[in-house]
Amino acid sequence: MKSCPSTGLHRVSLLPLGESDGDPTALVLVPFTTPYADGQSLRARLQAVLGRQLRGYSLAFDVPRRTAKGTLYIHRRDLESAKRCLASGLPQLEMGCAASVSCAGALSCH
């Protein structure tokens, strides 16, 4: 885990990426924005709401606006369940378009 207080970034290590776009174990990126009061509480809440569905994440904090932007890394097979968990556990969280990840770094929107 790496923490950069000067820039407000926080990242956790990711598990290996799946190569196939149709692979249910392939990771998808889910960008999000949410208000937050405390960065550590937000991290704990994300982990509590998603549990084992959360395979990794990155966060950037806009301290003056008290907003966090980030990306969640979730297995494709867990995407719908994770969206439901986020909608009920973090209703103020706004999700963007989920994108597939390949080892080559190409993204395709879903």
PDB file of N, CA and C in Angstrom:
ATOM      1  N   MET A   1       0.852  -1.168   0.000  1.00  0.00           N
ATOM      2  CA  MET A   1       0.000   0.000   0.000  1.00  0.00           C
ATOM      3  C   MET A   1       0.898   1.231   0.000  1.00  0.00           C
ATOM      4  N   LYS A   2       0.519   2.223  -0.794  1.00  0.00           N
ATOM      5  CA  LYS A   2       1.302   3.444  -0.902  1.00  0.00           C
ATOM      6  C   LYS A   2       0.399   4.619  -0.570  1.00  0.00           C
ATOM      7  N   SER A   3       0.882   5.513   0.250  1.00  0.00           N
ATOM      8  CA  SER A   3       0.105   6.690   0.606  1.00  0.00           C
ATOM      9  C   SER A   3       0.945   7.921   0.291  1.00  0.00           C
ATOM     10  N   CYS A   4       0.361   8.900  -0.378  1.00  0.00           N
ATOM     11  CA  CYS A   4       1.061  10.123  -0.767  1.00  0.00           C
ATOM     12  C   CYS A   4       0.283  11.311  -0.222  1.00  0.00           C
ATOM     13  N   PRO A   5       0.515  11.715   1.025  1.00  0.00           N
ATOM     14  CA  PRO A   5      -0.290  12.774   1.618  1.00  0.00           C
ATOM     15  C   PRO A   5      -0.210  14.105   0.889  1.00  0.00           C
ATOM     16  N   SER A   6       0.915  14.391   0.249  1.00  0.00           N
ATOM     17  CA  SER A   6       1.034  15.686  -0.414  1.00  0.00           C
ATOM     18  C   SER A   6       0.094  15.816  -1.609  1.00  0.00           C
ATOM     19  N   THR A   7      -0.228  14.708  -2.263  1.00  0.00           N
ATOM     20  CA  THR A   7      -1.118  14.772  -3.417  1.00  0.00           C
ATOM     21  C   THR A   7      -2.478  14.163  -3.138  1.00  0.00           C
ATOM     22  N   GLY A   8      -2.656  13.588  -1.963  1.00  0.00           N
ATOM     23  CA  GLY A   8      -3.941  13.004  -1.616  1.00  0.00           C
ATOM     24  C   GLY A   8      -4.239  11.712  -2.342  1.00  0.00           C
ATOM     25  N   LEU A   9      -3.217  10.983  -2.766  1.00  0.00           N
ATOM     26  CA  LEU A   9      -3.432   9.728  -3.489  1.00  0.00           C
ATOM     27  C   LEU A   9      -3.274   8.542  -2.553  1.00  0.00           C
ATOM     28  N   HIS A  10      -4.010   7.493  -2.857  1.00  0.00           N
ATOM     29  CA  HIS A  10      -3.883   6.246  -2.107  1.00  0.00           C
ATOM     30  C   HIS A  10      -4.109   5.111  -3.083  1.00  0.00           C
ATOM     31  N   ARG A  11      -3.252   4.129  -3.069  1.00  0.00           N
ATOM     32  CA  ARG A  11      -3.398   2.984  -3.973  1.00  0.00           C
ATOM     33  C   ARG A  11      -3.149   1.701  -3.199  1.00  0.00           C
ATOM     34  N   VAL A  12      -3.802   0.643  -3.639  1.00  0.00           N
ATOM     35  CA  VAL A  12      -3.515  -0.685  -3.108  1.00  0.00           C
ATOM     36  C   VAL A  12      -3.082  -1.559  -4.269  1.00  0.00           C
ATOM     37  N   SER A  13      -2.336  -2.599  -3.970  1.00  0.00           N
ATOM     38  CA  SER A  13      -1.862  -3.498  -5.019  1.00  0.00           C
ATOM     39  C   SER A  13      -3.016  -4.244  -5.657  1.00  0.00           C
ATOM     40  N   LEU A  14      -2.871  -4.524  -6.930  1.00  0.00           N
ATOM     41  CA  LEU A  14      -3.883  -5.262  -7.675  1.00  0.00           C
ATOM     42  C   LEU A  14      -3.468  -6.703  -7.834  1.00  0.00           C
ATOM     43  N   LEU A  15      -4.452  -7.564  -7.985  1.00  0.00           N
ATOM     44  CA  LEU A  15      -4.193  -8.951  -8.331  1.00  0.00           C
ATOM     45  C   LEU A  15      -3.909  -9.021  -9.823  1.00  0.00           C
ATOM     46  N   PRO A  16      -3.329 -10.106 -10.323  1.00  0.00           N
ATOM     47  CA  PRO A  16      -3.057 -10.210 -11.766  1.00  0.00           C
ATOM     48  C   PRO A  16      -4.319 -10.006 -12.599  1.00  0.00           C
ATOM     49  N   LEU A  17      -4.149  -9.357 -13.728  1.00  0.00           N
ATOM     50  CA  LEU A  17      -5.277  -9.053 -14.609  1.00  0.00           C
ATOM     51  C   LEU A  17      -5.592 -10.228 -15.519  1.00  0.00           C
ATOM     52  N   GLY A  18      -6.878 -10.433 -15.791  1.00  0.00           N
ATOM     53  CA  GLY A  18      -7.301 -11.436 -16.771  1.00  0.00           C
ATOM     54  C   GLY A  18      -7.122 -10.884 -18.171  1.00  0.00           C
ATOM     55  N   GLU A  19      -6.847 -11.753 -19.146  1.00  0.00           N
ATOM     56  CA  GLU A  19      -6.575 -11.279 -20.495  1.00  0.00           C
ATOM     57  C   GLU A  19      -7.808 -11.252 -21.389  1.00  0.00           C
ATOM     58  N   SER A  20      -8.768 -12.125 -21.151  1.00  0.00           N
ATOM     59  CA  SER A  20      -9.900 -12.238 -22.069  1.00  0.00           C
ATOM     60  C   SER A  20     -11.035 -11.317 -21.672  1.00  0.00           C
ATOM     61  N   ASP A  21     -11.618 -10.607 -22.655  1.00  0.00           N
ATOM     62  CA  ASP A  21     -12.732  -9.700 -22.392  1.00  0.00           C
ATOM     63  C   ASP A  21     -13.960 -10.458 -21.911  1.00  0.00           C
ATOM     64  N   GLY A  22     -14.125 -11.734 -22.295  1.00  0.00           N
ATOM     65  CA  GLY A  22     -15.269 -12.525 -21.877  1.00  0.00           C
ATOM     66  C   GLY A  22     -15.006 -13.342 -20.617  1.00  0.00           C
ATOM     67  N   ASP A  23     -13.816 -13.281 -20.088  1.00  0.00           N
ATOM     68  CA  ASP A  23     -13.433 -14.046 -18.910  1.00  0.00           C
ATOM     69  C   ASP A  23     -14.125 -13.477 -17.674  1.00  0.00           C
ATOM     70  N   PRO A  24     -14.905 -14.300 -16.936  1.00  0.00           N
ATOM     71  CA  PRO A  24     -15.596 -13.782 -15.753  1.00  0.00           C
ATOM     72  C   PRO A  24     -14.647 -13.363 -14.636  1.00  0.00           C
ATOM     73  N   THR A  25     -13.397 -13.844 -14.683  1.00  0.00           N
ATOM     74  CA  THR A  25     -12.434 -13.439 -13.659  1.00  0.00           C
ATOM     75  C   THR A  25     -11.614 -12.226 -14.088  1.00  0.00           C
ATOM     76  N   ALA A  26     -11.849 -11.726 -15.309  1.00  0.00           N
ATOM     77  CA  ALA A  26     -11.151 -10.519 -15.764  1.00  0.00           C
ATOM     78  C   ALA A  26     -11.594  -9.342 -14.900  1.00  0.00           C
ATOM     79  N   LEU A  27     -10.676  -8.435 -14.665  1.00  0.00           N
ATOM     80  CA  LEU A  27     -11.006  -7.259 -13.869  1.00  0.00           C
ATOM     81  C   LEU A  27     -11.652  -6.188 -14.732  1.00  0.00           C
ATOM     82  N   VAL A  28     -12.576  -5.464 -14.126  1.00  0.00           N
ATOM     83  CA  VAL A  28     -13.149  -4.281 -14.759  1.00  0.00           C
ATOM     84  C   VAL A  28     -12.861  -3.094 -13.848  1.00  0.00           C
ATOM     85  N   LEU A  29     -12.712  -1.945 -14.464  1.00  0.00           N
ATOM     86  CA  LEU A  29     -12.499  -0.690 -13.747  1.00  0.00           C
ATOM     87  C   LEU A  29     -13.841  -0.006 -13.579  1.00  0.00           C
ATOM     88  N   VAL A  30     -14.126   0.466 -12.385  1.00  0.00           N
ATOM     89  CA  VAL A  30     -15.359   1.205 -12.134  1.00  0.00           C
ATOM     90  C   VAL A  30     -14.966   2.553 -11.534  1.00  0.00           C
ATOM     91  N   PRO A  31     -14.976   3.629 -12.347  1.00  0.00           N
ATOM     92  CA  PRO A  31     -14.644   4.947 -11.815  1.00  0.00           C
ATOM     93  C   PRO A  31     -15.795   5.469 -10.954  1.00  0.00           C
ATOM     94  N   PHE A  32     -15.459   6.270  -9.954  1.00  0.00           N
ATOM     95  CA  PHE A  32     -16.500   6.821  -9.086  1.00  0.00           C
ATOM     96  C   PHE A  32     -16.078   8.159  -8.508  1.00  0.00           C
ATOM     97  N   THR A  33     -17.074   8.900  -8.034  1.00  0.00           N
ATOM     98  CA  THR A  33     -16.896  10.149  -7.305  1.00  0.00           C
ATOM     99  C   THR A  33     -17.831  10.096  -6.113  1.00  0.00           C
ATOM    100  N   THR A  34     -17.372  10.590  -4.975  1.00  0.00           N
ATOM    101  CA  THR A  34     -18.224  10.595  -3.788  1.00  0.00           C
ATOM    102  C   THR A  34     -17.759  11.670  -2.810  1.00  0.00           C
ATOM    103  N   PRO A  35     -18.682  12.250  -2.067  1.00  0.00           N
ATOM    104  CA  PRO A  35     -18.268  13.128  -0.972  1.00  0.00           C
ATOM    105  C   PRO A  35     -17.674  12.267   0.148  1.00  0.00           C
ATOM    106  N   TYR A  36     -16.815  12.853   0.958  1.00  0.00           N
ATOM    107  CA  TYR A  36     -16.250  12.106   2.082  1.00  0.00           C
ATOM    108  C   TYR A  36     -15.925  13.069   3.210  1.00  0.00           C
ATOM    109  N   ALA A  37     -15.953  12.565   4.430  1.00  0.00           N
ATOM    110  CA  ALA A  37     -15.577  13.367   5.590  1.00  0.00           C
ATOM    111  C   ALA A  37     -14.168  13.006   6.049  1.00  0.00           C
ATOM    112  N   ASP A  38     -13.794  11.753   5.843  1.00  0.00           N
ATOM    113  CA  ASP A  38     -12.506  11.256   6.302  1.00  0.00           C
ATOM    114  C   ASP A  38     -12.038  10.165   5.339  1.00  0.00           C
ATOM    115  N   GLY A  39     -10.842  10.310   4.814  1.00  0.00           N
ATOM    116  CA  GLY A  39     -10.325   9.354   3.839  1.00  0.00           C
ATOM    117  C   GLY A  39     -10.223   7.940   4.369  1.00  0.00           C
ATOM    118  N   GLN A  40      -9.757   7.795   5.600  1.00  0.00           N
ATOM    119  CA  GLN A  40      -9.629   6.455   6.181  1.00  0.00           C
ATOM    120  C   GLN A  40     -11.006   5.811   6.336  1.00  0.00           C
ATOM    121  N   SER A  41     -11.997   6.591   6.721  1.00  0.00           N
ATOM    122  CA  SER A  41     -13.364   6.063   6.853  1.00  0.00           C
ATOM    123  C   SER A  41     -13.918   5.633   5.499  1.00  0.00           C
ATOM    124  N   LEU A  42     -13.619   6.402   4.448  1.00  0.00           N
ATOM    125  CA  LEU A  42     -14.083   6.041   3.110  1.00  0.00           C
ATOM    126  C   LEU A  42     -13.456   4.723   2.670  1.00  0.00           C
ATOM    127  N   ARG A  43     -12.157   4.565   2.877  1.00  0.00           N
ATOM    128  CA  ARG A  43     -11.490   3.307   2.530  1.00  0.00           C
ATOM    129  C   ARG A  43     -12.114   2.135   3.284  1.00  0.00           C
ATOM    130  N   ALA A  44     -12.327   2.333   4.576  1.00  0.00           N
ATOM    131  CA  ALA A  44     -12.923   1.263   5.392  1.00  0.00           C
ATOM    132  C   ALA A  44     -14.339   0.942   4.923  1.00  0.00           C
ATOM    133  N   ARG A  45     -15.095   1.976   4.546  1.00  0.00           N
ATOM    134  CA  ARG A  45     -16.475   1.765   4.095  1.00  0.00           C
ATOM    135  C   ARG A  45     -16.498   1.009   2.764  1.00  0.00           C
ATOM    136  N   LEU A  46     -15.633   1.392   1.829  1.00  0.00           N
ATOM    137  CA  LEU A  46     -15.552   0.672   0.550  1.00  0.00           C
ATOM    138  C   LEU A  46     -15.244  -0.804   0.782  1.00  0.00           C
ATOM    139  N   GLN A  47     -14.287  -1.070   1.654  1.00  0.00           N
ATOM    140  CA  GLN A  47     -13.908  -2.452   1.925  1.00  0.00           C
ATOM    141  C   GLN A  47     -15.024  -3.205   2.639  1.00  0.00           C
ATOM    142  N   ALA A  48     -15.740  -2.532   3.549  1.00  0.00           N
ATOM    143  CA  ALA A  48     -16.839  -3.182   4.267  1.00  0.00           C
ATOM    144  C   ALA A  48     -18.016  -3.474   3.341  1.00  0.00           C
ATOM    145  N   VAL A  49     -18.336  -2.526   2.451  1.00  0.00           N
ATOM    146  CA  VAL A  49     -19.483  -2.681   1.546  1.00  0.00           C
ATOM    147  C   VAL A  49     -19.213  -3.749   0.493  1.00  0.00           C
ATOM    148  N   LEU A  50     -18.009  -3.761  -0.064  1.00  0.00           N
ATOM    149  CA  LEU A  50     -17.714  -4.681  -1.163  1.00  0.00           C
ATOM    150  C   LEU A  50     -17.070  -5.995  -0.722  1.00  0.00           C
ATOM    151  N   GLY A  51     -16.415  -6.002   0.402  1.00  0.00           N
ATOM    152  CA  GLY A  51     -15.791  -7.231   0.892  1.00  0.00           C
ATOM    153  C   GLY A  51     -14.844  -7.834  -0.126  1.00  0.00           C
ATOM    154  N   ARG A  52     -14.977  -9.138  -0.353  1.00  0.00           N
ATOM    155  CA  ARG A  52     -14.072  -9.857  -1.258  1.00  0.00           C
ATOM    156  C   ARG A  52     -14.287  -9.505  -2.724  1.00  0.00           C
ATOM    157  N   GLN A  53     -15.368  -8.810  -3.040  1.00  0.00           N
ATOM    158  CA  GLN A  53     -15.598  -8.395  -4.430  1.00  0.00           C
ATOM    159  C   GLN A  53     -14.580  -7.339  -4.856  1.00  0.00           C
ATOM    160  N   LEU A  54     -14.076  -6.565  -3.902  1.00  0.00           N
ATOM    161  CA  LEU A  54     -13.121  -5.500  -4.184  1.00  0.00           C
ATOM    162  C   LEU A  54     -11.734  -6.110  -4.331  1.00  0.00           C
ATOM    163  N   ARG A  55     -11.185  -6.049  -5.551  1.00  0.00           N
ATOM    164  CA  ARG A  55      -9.877  -6.638  -5.827  1.00  0.00           C
ATOM    165  C   ARG A  55      -8.764  -5.605  -5.757  1.00  0.00           C
ATOM    166  N   GLY A  56      -9.097  -4.337  -5.756  1.00  0.00           N
ATOM    167  CA  GLY A  56      -8.130  -3.260  -5.661  1.00  0.00           C
ATOM    168  C   GLY A  56      -8.834  -1.939  -5.889  1.00  0.00           C
ATOM    169  N   TYR A  57      -8.149  -0.849  -5.605  1.00  0.00           N
ATOM    170  CA  TYR A  57      -8.741   0.467  -5.833  1.00  0.00           C
ATOM    171  C   TYR A  57      -7.657   1.533  -5.829  1.00  0.00           C
ATOM    172  N   SER A  58      -8.006   2.685  -6.359  1.00  0.00           N
ATOM    173  CA  SER A  58      -7.159   3.871  -6.238  1.00  0.00           C
ATOM    174  C   SER A  58      -8.070   5.024  -5.855  1.00  0.00           C
ATOM    175  N   LEU A  59      -7.548   5.935  -5.064  1.00  0.00           N
ATOM    176  CA  LEU A  59      -8.322   7.087  -4.604  1.00  0.00           C
ATOM    177  C   LEU A  59      -7.502   8.355  -4.747  1.00  0.00           C
ATOM    178  N   ALA A  60      -8.163   9.449  -5.082  1.00  0.00           N
ATOM    179  CA  ALA A  60      -7.559  10.782  -5.074  1.00  0.00           C
ATOM    180  C   ALA A  60      -8.535  11.693  -4.344  1.00  0.00           C
ATOM    181  N   PHE A  61      -8.036  12.453  -3.383  1.00  0.00           N
ATOM    182  CA  PHE A  61      -8.897  13.298  -2.560  1.00  0.00           C
ATOM    183  C   PHE A  61      -8.764  14.766  -2.958  1.00  0.00           C
ATOM    184  N   ASP A  62      -9.898  15.416  -3.143  1.00  0.00           N
ATOM    185  CA  ASP A  62      -9.956  16.860  -3.339  1.00  0.00           C
ATOM    186  C   ASP A  62     -10.363  17.430  -1.983  1.00  0.00           C
ATOM    187  N   VAL A  63      -9.372  17.764  -1.167  1.00  0.00           N
ATOM    188  CA  VAL A  63      -9.614  18.152   0.224  1.00  0.00           C
ATOM    189  C   VAL A  63     -10.494  19.394   0.349  1.00  0.00           C
ATOM    190  N   PRO A  64     -10.237  20.484  -0.398  1.00  0.00           N
ATOM    191  CA  PRO A  64     -11.102  21.662  -0.241  1.00  0.00           C
ATOM    192  C   PRO A  64     -12.577  21.381  -0.557  1.00  0.00           C
ATOM    193  N   ARG A  65     -12.833  20.535  -1.534  1.00  0.00           N
ATOM    194  CA  ARG A  65     -14.222  20.228  -1.915  1.00  0.00           C
ATOM    195  C   ARG A  65     -14.773  19.015  -1.167  1.00  0.00           C
ATOM    196  N   ARG A  66     -13.905  18.356  -0.383  1.00  0.00           N
ATOM    197  CA  ARG A  66     -14.292  17.153   0.380  1.00  0.00           C
ATOM    198  C   ARG A  66     -14.921  16.101  -0.529  1.00  0.00           C
ATOM    199  N   THR A  67     -14.254  15.891  -1.667  1.00  0.00           N
ATOM    200  CA  THR A  67     -14.700  14.927  -2.667  1.00  0.00           C
ATOM    201  C   THR A  67     -13.567  13.937  -2.931  1.00  0.00           C
ATOM    202  N   ALA A  68     -13.939  12.704  -3.151  1.00  0.00           N
ATOM    203  CA  ALA A  68     -12.963  11.680  -3.522  1.00  0.00           C
ATOM    204  C   ALA A  68     -13.325  11.147  -4.898  1.00  0.00           C
ATOM    205  N   LYS A  69     -12.309  10.962  -5.727  1.00  0.00           N
ATOM    206  CA  LYS A  69     -12.476  10.309  -7.025  1.00  0.00           C
ATOM    207  C   LYS A  69     -11.598   9.073  -6.995  1.00  0.00           C
ATOM    208  N   GLY A  70     -12.074   8.029  -7.624  1.00  0.00           N
ATOM    209  CA  GLY A  70     -11.279   6.816  -7.602  1.00  0.00           C
ATOM    210  C   GLY A  70     -11.718   5.814  -8.641  1.00  0.00           C
ATOM    211  N   THR A  71     -11.055   4.686  -8.598  1.00  0.00           N
ATOM    212  CA  THR A  71     -11.358   3.566  -9.475  1.00  0.00           C
ATOM    213  C   THR A  71     -11.373   2.303  -8.634  1.00  0.00           C
ATOM    214  N   LEU A  72     -12.418   1.515  -8.803  1.00  0.00           N
ATOM    215  CA  LEU A  72     -12.522   0.219  -8.146  1.00  0.00           C
ATOM    216  C   LEU A  72     -12.163  -0.852  -9.162  1.00  0.00           C
ATOM    217  N   TYR A  73     -11.471  -1.886  -8.738  1.00  0.00           N
ATOM    218  CA  TYR A  73     -11.121  -3.016  -9.591  1.00  0.00           C
ATOM    219  C   TYR A  73     -11.904  -4.222  -9.087  1.00  0.00           C
ATOM    220  N   ILE A  74     -12.782  -4.748  -9.941  1.00  0.00           N
ATOM    221  CA  ILE A  74     -13.718  -5.801  -9.561  1.00  0.00           C
ATOM    222  C   ILE A  74     -13.727  -6.857 -10.659  1.00  0.00           C
ATOM    223  N   HIS A  75     -13.856  -8.135 -10.282  1.00  0.00           N
ATOM    224  CA  HIS A  75     -14.007  -9.183 -11.293  1.00  0.00           C
ATOM    225  C   HIS A  75     -15.317  -8.970 -12.042  1.00  0.00           C
ATOM    226  N   ARG A  76     -15.286  -9.235 -13.343  1.00  0.00           N
ATOM    227  CA  ARG A  76     -16.472  -9.079 -14.192  1.00  0.00           C
ATOM    228  C   ARG A  76     -17.669  -9.828 -13.601  1.00  0.00           C
ATOM    229  N   ARG A  77     -17.451 -11.021 -13.095  1.00  0.00           N
ATOM    230  CA  ARG A  77     -18.565 -11.827 -12.566  1.00  0.00           C
ATOM    231  C   ARG A  77     -19.212 -11.185 -11.339  1.00  0.00           C
ATOM    232  N   ASP A  78     -18.487 -10.301 -10.649  1.00  0.00           N
ATOM    233  CA  ASP A  78     -18.999  -9.657  -9.437  1.00  0.00           C
ATOM    234  C   ASP A  78     -19.550  -8.259  -9.684  1.00  0.00           C
ATOM    235  N   LEU A  79     -19.518  -7.787 -10.930  1.00  0.00           N
ATOM    236  CA  LEU A  79     -19.847  -6.395 -11.217  1.00  0.00           C
ATOM    237  C   LEU A  79     -21.270  -6.021 -10.817  1.00  0.00           C
ATOM    238  N   GLU A  80     -22.264  -6.787 -11.227  1.00  0.00           N
ATOM    239  CA  GLU A  80     -23.652  -6.430 -10.916  1.00  0.00           C
ATOM    240  C   GLU A  80     -23.917  -6.463  -9.415  1.00  0.00           C
ATOM    241  N   SER A  81     -23.398  -7.468  -8.749  1.00  0.00           N
ATOM    242  CA  SER A  81     -23.559  -7.567  -7.300  1.00  0.00           C
ATOM    243  C   SER A  81     -22.874  -6.390  -6.603  1.00  0.00           C
ATOM    244  N   ALA A  82     -21.676  -6.032  -7.070  1.00  0.00           N
ATOM    245  CA  ALA A  82     -20.942  -4.911  -6.485  1.00  0.00           C
ATOM    246  C   ALA A  82     -21.702  -3.603  -6.676  1.00  0.00           C
ATOM    247  N   LYS A  83     -22.308  -3.409  -7.842  1.00  0.00           N
ATOM    248  CA  LYS A  83     -23.094  -2.195  -8.082  1.00  0.00           C
ATOM    249  C   LYS A  83     -24.262  -2.110  -7.108  1.00  0.00           C
ATOM    250  N   ARG A  84     -24.936  -3.241  -6.875  1.00  0.00           N
ATOM    251  CA  ARG A  84     -26.052  -3.251  -5.917  1.00  0.00           C
ATOM    252  C   ARG A  84     -25.561  -2.944  -4.503  1.00  0.00           C
ATOM    253  N   CYS A  85     -24.446  -3.530  -4.123  1.00  0.00           N
ATOM    254  CA  CYS A  85     -23.874  -3.276  -2.797  1.00  0.00           C
ATOM    255  C   CYS A  85     -23.501  -1.803  -2.630  1.00  0.00           C
ATOM    256  N   LEU A  86     -22.896  -1.226  -3.665  1.00  0.00           N
ATOM    257  CA  LEU A  86     -22.516   0.188  -3.605  1.00  0.00           C
ATOM    258  C   LEU A  86     -23.740   1.089  -3.538  1.00  0.00           C
ATOM    259  N   ALA A  87     -24.777   0.764  -4.312  1.00  0.00           N
ATOM    260  CA  ALA A  87     -25.997   1.578  -4.316  1.00  0.00           C
ATOM    261  C   ALA A  87     -26.665   1.572  -2.944  1.00  0.00           C
ATOM    262  N   SER A  88     -26.637   0.448  -2.257  1.00  0.00           N
ATOM    263  CA  SER A  88     -27.279   0.393  -0.944  1.00  0.00           C
ATOM    264  C   SER A  88     -26.348   0.841   0.180  1.00  0.00           C
ATOM    265  N   GLY A  89     -25.049   0.539   0.073  1.00  0.00           N
ATOM    266  CA  GLY A  89     -24.114   0.860   1.143  1.00  0.00           C
ATOM    267  C   GLY A  89     -23.495   2.239   1.075  1.00  0.00           C
ATOM    268  N   LEU A  90     -23.406   2.797  -0.123  1.00  0.00           N
ATOM    269  CA  LEU A  90     -22.849   4.141  -0.336  1.00  0.00           C
ATOM    270  C   LEU A  90     -23.729   4.872  -1.347  1.00  0.00           C
ATOM    271  N   PRO A  91     -24.952   5.243  -0.961  1.00  0.00           N
ATOM    272  CA  PRO A  91     -25.895   5.820  -1.925  1.00  0.00           C
ATOM    273  C   PRO A  91     -25.436   7.141  -2.546  1.00  0.00           C
ATOM    274  N   GLN A  92     -24.536   7.864  -1.893  1.00  0.00           N
ATOM    275  CA  GLN A  92     -24.053   9.135  -2.435  1.00  0.00           C
ATOM    276  C   GLN A  92     -22.953   8.943  -3.477  1.00  0.00           C
ATOM    277  N   LEU A  93     -22.451   7.716  -3.624  1.00  0.00           N
ATOM    278  CA  LEU A  93     -21.387   7.421  -4.579  1.00  0.00           C
ATOM    279  C   LEU A  93     -21.941   7.432  -6.002  1.00  0.00           C
ATOM    280  N   GLU A  94     -21.272   8.155  -6.893  1.00  0.00           N
ATOM    281  CA  GLU A  94     -21.665   8.213  -8.306  1.00  0.00           C
ATOM    282  C   GLU A  94     -20.677   7.376  -9.108  1.00  0.00           C
ATOM    283  N   MET A  95     -21.195   6.358  -9.795  1.00  0.00           N
ATOM    284  CA  MET A  95     -20.344   5.467 -10.587  1.00  0.00           C
ATOM    285  C   MET A  95     -20.331   5.892 -12.043  1.00  0.00           C
ATOM    286  N   GLY A  96     -19.180   5.708 -12.676  1.00  0.00           N
ATOM    287  CA  GLY A  96     -19.057   5.944 -14.106  1.00  0.00           C
ATOM    288  C   GLY A  96     -19.196   4.644 -14.867  1.00  0.00           C
ATOM    289  N   CYS A  97     -18.837   4.682 -16.121  1.00  0.00           N
ATOM    290  CA  CYS A  97     -18.911   3.528 -17.017  1.00  0.00           C
ATOM    291  C   CYS A  97     -17.833   2.513 -16.650  1.00  0.00           C
ATOM    292  N   ALA A  98     -18.231   1.260 -16.430  1.00  0.00           N
ATOM    293  CA  ALA A  98     -17.264   0.195 -16.145  1.00  0.00           C
ATOM    294  C   ALA A  98     -16.494  -0.120 -17.421  1.00  0.00           C
ATOM    295  N   ALA A  99     -15.201  -0.321 -17.289  1.00  0.00           N
ATOM    296  CA  ALA A  99     -14.351  -0.593 -18.447  1.00  0.00           C
ATOM    297  C   ALA A  99     -13.549  -1.863 -18.221  1.00  0.00           C
ATOM    298  N   SER A 100     -13.407  -2.657 -19.275  1.00  0.00           N
ATOM    299  CA  SER A 100     -12.588  -3.868 -19.207  1.00  0.00           C
ATOM    300  C   SER A 100     -11.119  -3.494 -19.208  1.00  0.00           C
ATOM    301  N   VAL A 101     -10.335  -4.317 -18.563  1.00  0.00           N
ATOM    302  CA  VAL A 101      -8.892  -4.115 -18.520  1.00  0.00           C
ATOM    303  C   VAL A 101      -8.239  -5.311 -19.184  1.00  0.00           C
ATOM    304  N   SER A 102      -7.265  -5.063 -20.035  1.00  0.00           N
ATOM    305  CA  SER A 102      -6.471  -6.166 -20.575  1.00  0.00           C
ATOM    306  C   SER A 102      -5.032  -5.939 -20.154  1.00  0.00           C
ATOM    307  N   CYS A 103      -4.239  -6.961 -20.244  1.00  0.00           N
ATOM    308  CA  CYS A 103      -2.830  -6.817 -19.863  1.00  0.00           C
ATOM    309  C   CYS A 103      -2.120  -5.790 -20.733  1.00  0.00           C
ATOM    310  N   ALA A 104      -2.634  -5.571 -21.943  1.00  0.00           N
ATOM    311  CA  ALA A 104      -2.038  -4.579 -22.843  1.00  0.00           C
ATOM    312  C   ALA A 104      -2.459  -3.167 -22.466  1.00  0.00           C
ATOM    313  N   GLY A 105      -3.425  -3.030 -21.549  1.00  0.00           N
ATOM    314  CA  GLY A 105      -3.844  -1.715 -21.107  1.00  0.00           C
ATOM    315  C   GLY A 105      -4.984  -1.127 -21.902  1.00  0.00           C
ATOM    316  N   ALA A 106      -5.530  -1.861 -22.870  1.00  0.00           N
ATOM    317  CA  ALA A 106      -6.652  -1.343 -23.657  1.00  0.00           C
ATOM    318  C   ALA A 106      -7.920  -1.373 -22.817  1.00  0.00           C
ATOM    319  N   LEU A 107      -8.785  -0.398 -23.010  1.00  0.00           N
ATOM    320  CA  LEU A 107     -10.043  -0.310 -22.277  1.00  0.00           C
ATOM    321  C   LEU A 107     -11.203  -0.387 -23.246  1.00  0.00           C
ATOM    322  N   SER A 108     -12.257  -1.083 -22.840  1.00  0.00           N
ATOM    323  CA  SER A 108     -13.498  -1.057 -23.615  1.00  0.00           C
ATOM    324  C   SER A 108     -14.652  -0.830 -22.656  1.00  0.00           C
ATOM    325  N   CYS A 109     -15.535   0.072 -22.998  1.00  0.00           N
ATOM    326  CA  CYS A 109     -16.607   0.495 -22.101  1.00  0.00           C
ATOM    327  C   CYS A 109     -17.772  -0.484 -22.122  1.00  0.00           C
ATOM    328  N   HIS A 110     -18.388  -0.720 -20.936  1.00  0.00           N
ATOM    329  CA  HIS A 110     -19.554  -1.610 -20.807  1.00  0.00           C
ATOM    330  C   HIS A 110     -20.708  -0.854 -20.198  1.00  0.00           C
TER     331      HIS A 110
END
